[in-house]
Amino acid sequence: MTCLNLMCTRFDQVMDILKKRADSVSHCIVDTPGQIEAFTWSASGSIITDTMASTYPTVIAYVIDSARATNPTTFMSNMLYACSILYRTKLPFFLVLNKADIVKPTFAVRWMQDFEAFEEALNEARSSYMNDLTRSMSLVLDQFYEKLNYACVSALTGEGMDDVMKVIANCVKEYRTEYRPLYEKVMKEKEELALKENQERLKNLSVQEKVVAQLGPDDEDFVLPSQKIHLGGVEEENAEDELERNS
């Protein structure tokens, strides 16, 4: 977390580097190693993600170890992580089913498309108290799978990288048609709210200035209600307020 926070404080320098190389580089990969929770759910991670997404088309790629995901419970844990990242960032998102040179990820694709196939694999696995929870989660995430982009690849051999580039191109279109308009709408609402709050502050300040300007030479001890400082307890405050109302 300390390293992530330090990186966040210097991320403007990273953005400067990206800006300088924008004409010569078409894609930039930012790896976020470590615990998923540390980056996804921390303030620093959100700042880094939002900073990039506010300037450049940004896509989230969630890499899954296909060799380990052959266990239905592990597969479902990865899907739950993927779902949480998608709804946290709200950015275009796709799965990278890696290590296709060891285990073909076709089983994962089949599990996402066919609940009965996943349930059959779950029943064949070693029985545990987690099976019922995993089965219920697979039903809940069924709608999540419908529009989920994915690519089966091997980082070692380069297999499937063409599919990755196609998925990224589709995600960039999604960024421009869905995320960017939503981002601009939210920023406009924030600007309007900030402008309204500033106008209210100026209005209140003008009222106070008007009251002070109308004070006479005998009104030096006059204090605006917002400038009062109560040194006593609750009873003293109530007594002062009562005295003010009666005067």
Protein backbone atom coordinates (compact mmCIF):
# COMPACT_ATOMS: atom_id res chain seq x y z
CA MET A 1 0.00 0.00 0.00
CA THR A 2 2.86 2.38 0.78
CA CYS A 3 4.39 1.84 -2.66
CA LEU A 4 0.99 2.32 -4.29
CA ASN A 5 0.40 5.57 -2.41
CA LEU A 6 3.86 6.86 -3.35
CA MET A 7 3.23 5.94 -6.98
CA CYS A 8 -0.04 7.84 -6.86
CA THR A 9 1.70 11.02 -5.69
CA ARG A 10 4.02 10.88 -8.72
CA PHE A 11 1.54 9.63 -11.28
CA ASP A 12 1.40 13.03 -12.95
CA GLN A 13 4.94 12.30 -14.15
CA VAL A 14 3.72 9.04 -15.70
CA MET A 15 0.99 10.97 -17.50
CA ASP A 16 3.61 13.41 -18.81
CA ILE A 17 5.61 10.48 -20.23
CA LEU A 18 2.48 9.08 -21.89
CA LYS A 19 1.70 12.48 -23.37
CA LYS A 20 5.19 12.82 -24.85
CA ARG A 21 5.07 9.34 -26.42
CA ALA A 22 1.43 9.41 -27.52
CA ASP A 23 2.37 10.02 -31.16
CA SER A 24 4.82 7.11 -31.35
CA VAL A 25 3.04 4.49 -29.19
CA SER A 26 -0.46 3.18 -29.90
CA HIS A 27 -0.94 1.09 -26.75
CA CYS A 28 0.35 1.28 -23.19
CA ILE A 29 0.14 -1.66 -20.77
CA VAL A 30 0.09 -0.80 -17.06
CA ASP A 31 0.65 -3.84 -14.86
CA THR A 32 -0.71 -3.75 -11.31
CA PRO A 33 0.92 -6.71 -9.52
CA GLY A 34 0.05 -7.73 -6.00
CA GLN A 35 -3.26 -8.25 -4.26
CA ILE A 36 -6.29 -7.36 -6.33
CA GLU A 37 -7.95 -5.66 -3.36
CA ALA A 38 -4.96 -3.36 -2.80
CA PHE A 39 -5.34 -1.69 -6.18
CA THR A 40 -9.03 -2.11 -6.95
CA TRP A 41 -10.47 -0.94 -3.64
CA SER A 42 -7.91 1.63 -2.54
CA ALA A 43 -8.16 5.36 -3.07
CA SER A 44 -4.78 5.39 -4.82
CA GLY A 45 -5.86 2.73 -7.28
CA SER A 46 -9.01 4.66 -8.11
CA ILE A 47 -7.03 7.87 -8.62
CA ILE A 48 -4.62 6.16 -11.02
CA THR A 49 -7.42 4.48 -12.97
CA ASP A 50 -9.60 7.59 -13.17
CA THR A 51 -6.66 9.78 -14.17
CA MET A 52 -5.83 7.57 -17.13
CA ALA A 53 -9.49 7.11 -18.10
CA SER A 54 -10.08 10.86 -18.09
CA THR A 55 -7.36 11.38 -20.72
CA TYR A 56 -7.02 8.23 -22.83
CA PRO A 57 -9.28 5.31 -23.82
CA THR A 58 -8.68 2.90 -20.94
CA VAL A 59 -9.50 -0.81 -20.81
CA ILE A 60 -9.23 -3.26 -17.91
CA ALA A 61 -7.75 -6.68 -18.71
CA TYR A 62 -8.14 -9.34 -16.02
CA VAL A 63 -5.66 -12.20 -16.52
CA ILE A 64 -6.69 -15.67 -15.36
CA ASP A 65 -4.35 -18.63 -14.93
CA SER A 66 -6.22 -21.28 -16.94
CA ALA A 67 -4.16 -24.11 -15.44
CA ARG A 68 -5.36 -23.27 -11.93
CA ALA A 69 -8.89 -22.34 -12.96
CA THR A 70 -9.68 -25.95 -13.89
CA ASN A 71 -11.01 -26.24 -10.35
CA PRO A 72 -14.64 -25.00 -10.44
CA THR A 73 -14.32 -23.20 -7.11
CA THR A 74 -11.16 -21.38 -8.21
CA PHE A 75 -12.83 -20.49 -11.50
CA MET A 76 -15.83 -19.03 -9.69
CA SER A 77 -13.56 -17.03 -7.37
CA ASN A 78 -11.92 -15.49 -10.43
CA MET A 79 -15.30 -14.66 -11.92
CA LEU A 80 -16.37 -12.95 -8.71
CA TYR A 81 -13.17 -10.90 -8.70
CA ALA A 82 -13.76 -9.99 -12.34
CA CYS A 83 -17.32 -8.88 -11.61
CA SER A 84 -16.22 -6.71 -8.67
CA ILE A 85 -13.49 -5.03 -10.74
CA LEU A 86 -15.92 -4.30 -13.56
CA TYR A 87 -18.49 -2.65 -11.32
CA ARG A 88 -15.83 -0.82 -9.32
CA THR A 89 -14.10 0.82 -12.29
CA LYS A 90 -17.09 0.94 -14.69
CA LEU A 91 -14.54 0.79 -17.52
CA PRO A 92 -14.59 -1.52 -20.57
CA PHE A 93 -13.44 -4.91 -19.33
CA PHE A 94 -12.33 -8.25 -20.74
CA LEU A 95 -10.89 -11.56 -19.53
CA VAL A 96 -7.54 -12.93 -20.63
CA LEU A 97 -7.56 -16.72 -20.24
CA ASN A 98 -3.80 -17.23 -20.16
CA LYS A 99 -1.52 -20.31 -20.38
CA ALA A 100 -3.39 -21.84 -23.30
CA ASP A 101 -0.17 -23.73 -24.10
CA ILE A 102 -0.64 -25.76 -20.89
CA VAL A 103 -4.42 -26.11 -20.66
CA LYS A 104 -6.85 -25.06 -23.38
CA PRO A 105 -9.30 -22.61 -21.77
CA THR A 106 -12.22 -24.03 -23.74
CA PHE A 107 -13.53 -25.52 -20.49
CA ALA A 108 -13.84 -22.02 -18.99
CA VAL A 109 -15.71 -20.75 -22.04
CA ARG A 110 -18.06 -23.72 -21.84
CA TRP A 111 -18.69 -23.11 -18.12
CA MET A 112 -19.56 -19.48 -18.83
CA GLN A 113 -21.98 -20.42 -21.59
CA ASP A 114 -23.55 -23.53 -20.07
CA PHE A 115 -24.56 -23.64 -16.41
CA GLU A 116 -25.27 -27.38 -16.54
CA ALA A 117 -21.71 -28.08 -17.71
CA PHE A 118 -20.36 -26.07 -14.79
CA GLU A 119 -22.67 -27.82 -12.34
CA GLU A 120 -21.56 -31.21 -13.66
CA ALA A 121 -17.91 -30.27 -13.16
CA LEU A 122 -18.73 -29.01 -9.69
CA ASN A 123 -20.37 -32.31 -8.76
CA GLU A 124 -17.36 -34.24 -10.04
CA ALA A 125 -14.98 -32.17 -7.92
CA ARG A 126 -14.23 -32.96 -4.31
CA SER A 127 -17.32 -32.24 -2.24
CA SER A 128 -17.07 -29.37 0.21
CA TYR A 129 -19.24 -26.83 1.97
CA MET A 130 -18.24 -24.36 -0.76
CA ASN A 131 -20.07 -26.24 -3.50
CA ASP A 132 -23.52 -24.90 -2.64
CA LEU A 133 -22.23 -21.32 -2.50
CA THR A 134 -20.33 -21.76 -5.77
CA ARG A 135 -23.42 -23.19 -7.47
CA SER A 136 -25.56 -20.25 -6.31
CA MET A 137 -22.95 -17.73 -7.43
CA SER A 138 -22.82 -19.27 -10.90
CA LEU A 139 -26.54 -18.61 -11.28
CA VAL A 140 -26.18 -15.03 -10.08
CA LEU A 141 -23.30 -14.31 -12.48
CA ASP A 142 -25.10 -15.80 -15.46
CA GLN A 143 -26.13 -12.35 -16.75
CA PHE A 144 -22.59 -11.11 -16.16
CA TYR A 145 -21.27 -13.72 -18.61
CA GLU A 146 -23.63 -12.70 -21.42
CA LYS A 147 -21.75 -9.55 -22.46
CA LEU A 148 -18.35 -10.48 -21.07
CA ASN A 149 -15.47 -10.10 -23.54
CA TYR A 150 -12.68 -12.67 -23.36
CA ALA A 151 -9.66 -13.99 -25.25
CA CYS A 152 -7.81 -17.31 -24.94
CA VAL A 153 -4.07 -16.69 -25.13
CA SER A 154 -0.61 -17.97 -24.30
CA ALA A 155 1.84 -15.34 -23.16
CA LEU A 156 4.66 -17.83 -23.79
CA THR A 157 3.93 -18.73 -27.42
CA GLY A 158 1.94 -15.65 -28.45
CA GLU A 159 -1.11 -17.73 -29.31
CA GLY A 160 -4.33 -15.72 -29.38
CA MET A 161 -2.74 -12.26 -29.33
CA ASP A 162 -4.62 -11.29 -32.48
CA ASP A 163 -7.84 -12.02 -30.60
CA VAL A 164 -6.66 -9.81 -27.75
CA MET A 165 -6.10 -6.88 -30.11
CA LYS A 166 -9.59 -7.36 -31.59
CA VAL A 167 -11.15 -7.40 -28.13
CA ILE A 168 -9.21 -4.28 -27.15
CA ALA A 169 -10.47 -2.51 -30.29
CA ASN A 170 -14.06 -3.38 -29.35
CA CYS A 171 -13.48 -2.18 -25.79
CA VAL A 172 -12.11 1.13 -27.08
CA LYS A 173 -15.34 1.61 -29.05
CA GLU A 174 -17.28 0.86 -25.87
CA TYR A 175 -15.18 3.44 -24.01
CA ARG A 176 -15.98 6.15 -26.55
CA THR A 177 -19.68 5.37 -26.88
CA GLU A 178 -20.57 4.53 -23.27
CA TYR A 179 -17.93 5.44 -20.69
CA ARG A 180 -16.80 8.78 -22.09
CA PRO A 181 -20.30 10.32 -22.42
CA LEU A 182 -21.10 9.16 -18.88
CA TYR A 183 -17.83 10.61 -17.58
CA GLU A 184 -18.48 13.98 -19.23
CA LYS A 185 -22.02 14.03 -17.82
CA VAL A 186 -20.77 13.37 -14.28
CA MET A 187 -18.06 16.03 -14.58
CA LYS A 188 -20.59 18.56 -15.85
CA GLU A 189 -22.89 17.82 -12.90
CA LYS A 190 -19.97 18.27 -10.48
CA GLU A 191 -19.04 21.60 -12.06
CA GLU A 192 -22.63 22.82 -11.84
CA LEU A 193 -22.86 21.74 -8.20
CA ALA A 194 -19.56 23.46 -7.35
CA LEU A 195 -20.71 26.64 -9.12
CA LYS A 196 -23.98 26.60 -7.19
CA GLU A 197 -22.17 26.16 -3.88
CA ASN A 198 -19.81 29.04 -4.68
CA GLN A 199 -22.76 31.27 -5.54
CA GLU A 200 -24.40 30.41 -2.21
CA ARG A 201 -21.19 31.27 -0.35
CA LEU A 202 -20.90 34.59 -2.18
CA LYS A 203 -24.54 35.34 -1.43
CA ASN A 204 -24.08 34.68 2.28
CA LEU A 205 -20.89 36.73 2.28
CA SER A 206 -22.69 39.65 0.63
CA VAL A 207 -25.41 39.57 3.30
CA GLN A 208 -22.82 39.70 6.08
CA GLU A 209 -20.98 42.58 4.40
CA LYS A 210 -24.26 44.49 4.08
CA VAL A 211 -25.02 44.06 7.78
CA VAL A 212 -21.53 45.19 8.79
CA ALA A 213 -21.73 48.22 6.48
CA GLN A 214 -24.96 49.37 8.17
CA LEU A 215 -23.46 49.32 11.67
CA GLY A 216 -23.32 52.64 13.45
CA PRO A 217 -20.54 54.03 15.67
CA ASP A 218 -22.28 52.59 18.76
CA ASP A 219 -22.48 49.08 17.33
CA GLU A 220 -18.84 48.06 17.71
CA ASP A 221 -19.77 45.07 19.88
CA PHE A 222 -22.22 43.69 17.33
CA VAL A 223 -21.35 40.12 16.31
CA LEU A 224 -22.90 38.12 13.51
CA PRO A 225 -24.49 34.81 14.60
CA SER A 226 -22.03 32.86 12.46
CA GLN A 227 -19.11 34.57 14.25
CA LYS A 228 -20.16 33.75 17.79
CA ILE A 229 -17.93 31.51 19.86
CA HIS A 230 -19.54 29.75 22.84
CA LEU A 231 -17.08 29.08 25.63
CA GLY A 232 -19.60 27.56 28.02
CA GLY A 233 -21.61 24.36 27.90
CA VAL A 234 -25.03 23.62 26.42
CA GLU A 235 -26.90 25.55 29.12
CA GLU A 236 -24.78 28.65 28.54
CA GLU A 237 -25.38 28.42 24.78
CA ASN A 238 -29.14 28.12 25.28
CA ALA A 239 -29.11 31.09 27.65
CA GLU A 240 -27.23 33.22 25.13
CA ASP A 241 -29.64 32.26 22.35
CA GLU A 242 -32.64 33.08 24.56
CA LEU A 243 -31.13 36.45 25.45
CA GLU A 244 -30.59 37.20 21.77
CA ARG A 245 -34.21 36.38 20.89
CA ASN A 246 -35.57 38.61 23.68
CA SER A 247 -33.32 41.56 22.84
